[in-house]
C-alpha atoms as a PDB file:
ATOM      1  CA  MET A   1      75.842 -18.526-103.061  1.00  0.00           C
ATOM      2  CA  PRO A   2      74.896 -21.189-101.265  1.00  0.00           C
ATOM      3  CA  SER A   3      72.190 -23.945-102.319  1.00  0.00           C
ATOM      4  CA  PHE A   4      69.399 -25.409-100.183  1.00  0.00           C
ATOM      5  CA  VAL A   5      69.221 -28.976-100.028  1.00  0.00           C
ATOM      6  CA  GLY A   6      66.692 -29.850-102.520  1.00  0.00           C
ATOM      7  CA  VAL A   7      66.150 -26.476-104.311  1.00  0.00           C
ATOM      8  CA  GLU A   8      68.064 -27.709-106.895  1.00  0.00           C
ATOM      9  CA  CYS A   9      65.967 -30.368-107.940  1.00  0.00           C
ATOM     10  CA  CYS A  10      62.748 -28.161-107.291  1.00  0.00           C
ATOM     11  CA  ARG A  11      64.443 -26.292-109.986  1.00  0.00           C
ATOM     12  CA  LYS A  12      64.681 -28.079-112.722  1.00  0.00           C
ATOM     13  CA  ALA A  13      61.059 -28.736-112.486  1.00  0.00           C
ATOM     14  CA  PRO A  14      58.715 -27.881-114.885  1.00  0.00           C
ATOM     15  CA  GLY A  15      56.483 -25.356-114.890  1.00  0.00           C
ATOM     16  CA  VAL A  16      58.080 -23.773-111.591  1.00  0.00           C
ATOM     17  CA  THR A  17      58.517 -19.574-112.037  1.00  0.00           C
ATOM     18  CA  TRP A  18      61.373 -18.311-109.900  1.00  0.00           C
ATOM     19  CA  HIS A  19      62.139 -14.852-108.689  1.00  0.00           C
ATOM     20  CA  PRO A  20      65.040 -13.257-109.690  1.00  0.00           C
ATOM     21  CA  ASP A  21      65.822 -12.024-106.089  1.00  0.00           C
ATOM     22  CA  VAL A  22      65.147 -14.955-104.348  1.00  0.00           C
ATOM     23  CA  ARG A  23      66.151 -18.482-103.726  1.00  0.00           C
ATOM     24  CA  GLN A  24      62.521 -20.291-103.839  1.00  0.00           C
ATOM     25  CA  PRO A  25      59.758 -20.983-105.869  1.00  0.00           C
ATOM     26  CA  LEU A  26      56.986 -18.025-106.464  1.00  0.00           C
ATOM     27  CA  GLY A  27      54.231 -18.886-104.197  1.00  0.00           C
ATOM     28  CA  MET A  28      56.537 -20.907-101.589  1.00  0.00           C
ATOM     29  CA  THR A  29      56.015 -19.578 -98.280  1.00  0.00           C
ATOM     30  CA  SER A  30      59.146 -21.079 -96.402  1.00  0.00           C
ATOM     31  CA  ARG A  31      62.838 -22.232 -97.749  1.00  0.00           C
ATOM     32  CA  PRO A  32      63.734 -25.975 -97.657  1.00  0.00           C
ATOM     33  CA  PRO A  33      64.701 -26.861 -94.205  1.00  0.00           C
ATOM     34  CA  TRP A  34      68.429 -26.060 -93.423  1.00  0.00           C
ATOM     35  CA  VAL A  35      70.714 -29.268 -92.898  1.00  0.00           C
ATOM     36  CA  ASP A  36      72.215 -29.202 -89.420  1.00  0.00           C
ATOM     37  CA  ILE A  37      75.412 -30.703 -89.482  1.00  0.00           C
ATOM     38  CA  ARG A  38      76.201 -29.584 -85.719  1.00  0.00           C
ATOM     39  CA  PRO A  39      76.104 -31.535 -82.811  1.00  0.00           C
ATOM     40  CA  LYS A  40      73.101 -32.393 -81.243  1.00  0.00           C
ATOM     41  CA  GLN A  41      74.735 -31.321 -77.885  1.00  0.00           C
ATOM     42  CA  TYR A  42      76.097 -27.861 -77.161  1.00  0.00           C
ATOM     43  CA  HIS A  43      78.412 -27.279 -74.224  1.00  0.00           C
ATOM     44  CA  THR A  44      78.770 -23.548 -74.704  1.00  0.00           C
ATOM     45  CA  LEU A  45      76.507 -20.701 -73.866  1.00  0.00           C
ATOM     46  CA  GLY A  46      78.256 -17.250 -74.587  1.00  0.00           C
ATOM     47  CA  ARG A  47      81.510 -17.113 -75.353  1.00  0.00           C
ATOM     48  CA  MET A  48      83.594 -19.727 -73.923  1.00  0.00           C
ATOM     49  CA  SER A  49      84.449 -23.346 -75.263  1.00  0.00           C
ATOM     50  CA  THR A  50      83.979 -25.641 -73.275  1.00  0.00           C
ATOM     51  CA  GLN A  51      84.435 -29.453 -75.328  1.00  0.00           C
ATOM     52  CA  ALA A  52      83.823 -32.327 -72.373  1.00  0.00           C
ATOM     53  CA  ASN A  53      80.854 -33.044 -70.612  1.00  0.00           C
ATOM     54  CA  ASP A  54      82.245 -32.028 -67.228  1.00  0.00           C
ATOM     55  CA  ARG A  55      83.114 -28.601 -68.165  1.00  0.00           C
ATOM     56  CA  ILE A  56      80.670 -25.420 -67.513  1.00  0.00           C
ATOM     57  CA  ALA A  57      79.075 -23.679 -69.551  1.00  0.00           C
ATOM     58  CA  LEU A  58      79.394 -20.207 -68.755  1.00  0.00           C
ATOM     59  CA  LEU A  59      76.709 -17.119 -68.994  1.00  0.00           C
ATOM     60  CA  GLN A  60      77.452 -14.602 -71.858  1.00  0.00           C
ATOM     61  CA  GLY A  61      80.162 -11.666 -70.636  1.00  0.00           C
ATOM     62  CA  THR A  62      82.219 -14.209 -68.267  1.00  0.00           C
ATOM     63  CA  LEU A  63      85.009 -14.105 -70.485  1.00  0.00           C
ATOM     64  CA  ASP A  64      85.592 -10.606 -70.487  1.00  0.00           C
ATOM     65  CA  VAL A  65      85.388 -10.508 -66.721  1.00  0.00           C
ATOM     66  CA  LEU A  66      87.945 -13.677 -66.649  1.00  0.00           C
ATOM     67  CA  ILE A  67      90.685 -11.960 -69.020  1.00  0.00           C
ATOM     68  CA  LEU A  68      90.574  -9.288 -67.125  1.00  0.00           C
ATOM     69  CA  ARG A  69      91.019 -11.248 -63.804  1.00  0.00           C
ATOM     70  CA  THR A  70      94.438 -12.597 -65.699  1.00  0.00           C
ATOM     71  CA  LEU A  71      95.960  -9.675 -66.343  1.00  0.00           C
ATOM     72  CA  LEU A  72      95.632  -8.262 -62.771  1.00  0.00           C
ATOM     73  CA  PHE A  73      98.704 -10.545 -62.097  1.00  0.00           C
ATOM     74  CA  GLY A  74     100.558  -8.558 -64.853  1.00  0.00           C
ATOM     75  CA  LYS A  75     101.192  -8.387 -68.541  1.00  0.00           C
ATOM     76  CA  GLN A  76     100.808 -11.476 -70.689  1.00  0.00           C
ATOM     77  CA  HIS A  77      99.723 -12.899 -74.262  1.00  0.00           C
ATOM     78  CA  GLY A  78      96.711 -14.439 -75.356  1.00  0.00           C
ATOM     79  CA  GLN A  79      98.036 -17.509 -75.447  1.00  0.00           C
ATOM     80  CA  GLY A  80      98.855 -17.013 -71.539  1.00  0.00           C
ATOM     81  CA  ILE A  81      95.730 -15.865 -71.030  1.00  0.00           C
ATOM     82  CA  ALA A  82      94.034 -18.920 -72.362  1.00  0.00           C
ATOM     83  CA  ARG A  83      96.293 -20.929 -70.297  1.00  0.00           C
ATOM     84  CA  ALA A  84      95.880 -19.358 -67.191  1.00  0.00           C
ATOM     85  CA  ILE A  85      92.155 -19.357 -67.580  1.00  0.00           C
ATOM     86  CA  GLY A  86      92.454 -23.220 -67.935  1.00  0.00           C
ATOM     87  CA  GLN A  87      94.990 -23.746 -65.071  1.00  0.00           C
ATOM     88  CA  SER A  88      93.295 -21.111 -62.544  1.00  0.00           C
ATOM     89  CA  SER A  89      89.903 -22.924 -63.048  1.00  0.00           C
ATOM     90  CA  ASP A  90      91.399 -26.798 -63.135  1.00  0.00           C
ATOM     91  CA  ASP A  91      91.100 -26.835 -66.515  1.00  0.00           C
ATOM     92  CA  VAL A  92      87.324 -26.883 -66.099  1.00  0.00           C
ATOM     93  CA  LEU A  93      87.199 -23.355 -68.588  1.00  0.00           C
ATOM     94  CA  LEU A  94      89.043 -23.695 -71.897  1.00  0.00           C
ATOM     95  CA  VAL A  95      88.847 -20.473 -73.870  1.00  0.00           C
ATOM     96  CA  ASP A  96      88.578 -20.718 -77.720  1.00  0.00           C
ATOM     97  CA  HIS A  97      90.932 -18.468 -79.549  1.00  0.00           C
ATOM     98  CA  GLY A  98      87.918 -17.841 -81.510  1.00  0.00           C
ATOM     99  CA  SER A  99      86.323 -16.044 -78.554  1.00  0.00           C
ATOM    100  CA  LEU A 100      89.311 -14.751 -77.142  1.00  0.00           C
ATOM    101  CA  TYR A 101      90.937 -12.560 -79.479  1.00  0.00           C
ATOM    102  CA  PRO A 102      88.153 -10.785 -80.361  1.00  0.00           C
ATOM    103  CA  ALA A 103      87.166 -10.279 -76.717  1.00  0.00           C
ATOM    104  CA  LEU A 104      90.872  -9.076 -76.371  1.00  0.00           C
ATOM    105  CA  GLN A 105      90.084  -6.634 -79.015  1.00  0.00           C
ATOM    106  CA  ARG A 106      86.548  -5.389 -77.328  1.00  0.00           C
ATOM    107  CA  LEU A 107      88.335  -4.802 -74.316  1.00  0.00           C
ATOM    108  CA  GLU A 108      91.130  -2.684 -76.074  1.00  0.00           C
ATOM    109  CA  SER A 109      88.414  -0.660 -77.793  1.00  0.00           C
ATOM    110  CA  LYS A 110      87.141   0.356 -74.267  1.00  0.00           C
ATOM    111  CA  LYS A 111      90.312   1.193 -72.721  1.00  0.00           C
ATOM    112  CA  TRP A 112      89.854  -1.721 -70.017  1.00  0.00           C
ATOM    113  CA  ILE A 113      92.822  -2.966 -71.245  1.00  0.00           C
ATOM    114  CA  SER A 114      95.782  -1.851 -73.127  1.00  0.00           C
ATOM    115  CA  ALA A 115      98.811  -3.908 -75.619  1.00  0.00           C
ATOM    116  CA  ALA A 116     102.006  -3.652 -76.609  1.00  0.00           C
ATOM    117  CA  TRP A 117     104.073  -5.991 -78.972  1.00  0.00           C
ATOM    118  CA  GLY A 118     106.882  -7.760 -77.416  1.00  0.00           C
ATOM    119  CA  VAL A 119     108.739 -11.300 -77.338  1.00  0.00           C
ATOM    120  CA  SER A 120     107.417 -14.402 -76.041  1.00  0.00           C
ATOM    121  CA  GLU A 121     109.305 -17.172 -73.843  1.00  0.00           C
ATOM    122  CA  ASN A 122     110.154 -18.872 -77.266  1.00  0.00           C
ATOM    123  CA  ASN A 123     111.588 -15.963 -79.103  1.00  0.00           C
ATOM    124  CA  ARG A 124     108.489 -15.287 -81.140  1.00  0.00           C
ATOM    125  CA  ARG A 125     106.938 -11.664 -81.676  1.00  0.00           C
ATOM    126  CA  ALA A 126     103.503 -11.569 -79.546  1.00  0.00           C
ATOM    127  CA  ARG A 127     100.995  -9.009 -78.463  1.00  0.00           C
ATOM    128  CA  TYR A 128     101.222  -8.408 -74.438  1.00  0.00           C
ATOM    129  CA  TYR A 129      98.125  -7.211 -72.857  1.00  0.00           C
ATOM    130  CA  MET A 130      97.783  -5.006 -69.621  1.00  0.00           C
ATOM    131  CA  LEU A 131      95.376  -3.931 -67.483  1.00  0.00           C
ATOM    132  CA  THR A 132      94.792  -0.397 -67.212  1.00  0.00           C
ATOM    133  CA  LYS A 133      93.446   2.094 -64.589  1.00  0.00           C
ATOM    134  CA  VAL A 134      89.852   1.710 -66.031  1.00  0.00           C
ATOM    135  CA  GLY A 135      90.172  -1.806 -66.426  1.00  0.00           C
ATOM    136  CA  ARG A 136      90.671  -2.235 -62.376  1.00  0.00           C
ATOM    137  CA  LYS A 137      87.668  -0.235 -61.915  1.00  0.00           C
ATOM    138  CA  GLN A 138      85.910  -2.778 -64.056  1.00  0.00           C
ATOM    139  CA  LEU A 139      86.941  -5.217 -62.561  1.00  0.00           C
ATOM    140  CA  ALA A 140      85.875  -4.493 -59.415  1.00  0.00           C
ATOM    141  CA  LYS A 141      82.176  -3.588 -60.079  1.00  0.00           C
ATOM    142  CA  GLU A 142      82.080  -7.007 -62.505  1.00  0.00           C
ATOM    143  CA  THR A 143      83.494  -9.346 -59.252  1.00  0.00           C
ATOM    144  CA  HIS A 144      80.612  -7.208 -57.080  1.00  0.00           C
ATOM    145  CA  GLU A 145      78.435  -8.047 -59.155  1.00  0.00           C
ATOM    146  CA  TRP A 146      78.998 -11.946 -59.587  1.00  0.00           C
ATOM    147  CA  GLN A 147      79.484 -12.061 -56.238  1.00  0.00           C
ATOM    148  CA  ARG A 148      75.690 -10.594 -55.862  1.00  0.00           C
ATOM    149  CA  LEU A 149      74.813 -13.568 -58.807  1.00  0.00           C
ATOM    150  CA  VAL A 150      76.380 -16.413 -56.752  1.00  0.00           C
ATOM    151  CA  GLU A 151      74.633 -14.894 -53.736  1.00  0.00           C
ATOM    152  CA  ALA A 152      71.746 -15.097 -55.240  1.00  0.00           C
ATOM    153  CA  MET A 153      71.712 -18.249 -56.776  1.00  0.00           C
ATOM    154  CA  SER A 154      73.108 -20.008 -53.538  1.00  0.00           C
ATOM    155  CA  ARG A 155      69.952 -19.017 -52.295  1.00  0.00           C
ATOM    156  CA  VAL A 156      67.566 -20.099 -54.487  1.00  0.00           C
ATOM    157  CA  LEU A 157      69.415 -23.342 -55.129  1.00  0.00           C
ATOM    158  CA  GLY A 158      69.291 -24.043 -51.248  1.00  0.00           C
ATOM    159  CA  LEU A 159      73.188 -24.083 -50.900  1.00  0.00           C
ATOM    160  CA  GLU A 160      73.315 -20.879 -48.635  1.00  0.00           C
ATOM    161  CA  GLY A 161      74.335 -23.248 -45.445  1.00  0.00           C
ATOM    162  CA  ALA A 162      76.491 -25.769 -47.514  1.00  0.00           C
ATOM    163  CA  GLY A 163      79.906 -23.449 -47.633  1.00  0.00           C
ATOM    164  CA  ALA A 164      78.775 -22.441 -51.314  1.00  0.00           C
END
């Protein structure tokens, strides 16, 4: 059970009554504040990791489209998918493995991709992912939606005639 900053000293204070199910004194309206050890500046939105200031934060759901697009060119294992997304974006997009594999499982459960075990280039067992017919249709739908979003953002930002 995690302890909260300042709670232990309150526990030892004479005359403080603690409720057995709550980690705070009776009558206290809120718990002591959490200690935030995370960096003050975040470079991510959604499911993609971006680790440098020149990388772009992405909208949630973007990783699914990137995976589907990558698999359009043929089967690939997880590390290969992450590498291909990085290379095709000139290393602006960096896929975190903690985000990639849950996304692959989610896409597989939706039947947008299928998976089979195989042997990688370095003779290791790897799970290879392939785009399904349903996944191709979904990619076409998602691509159309992204085109609409880009056009709308270009109009709002005044980039329409600037080759955006």
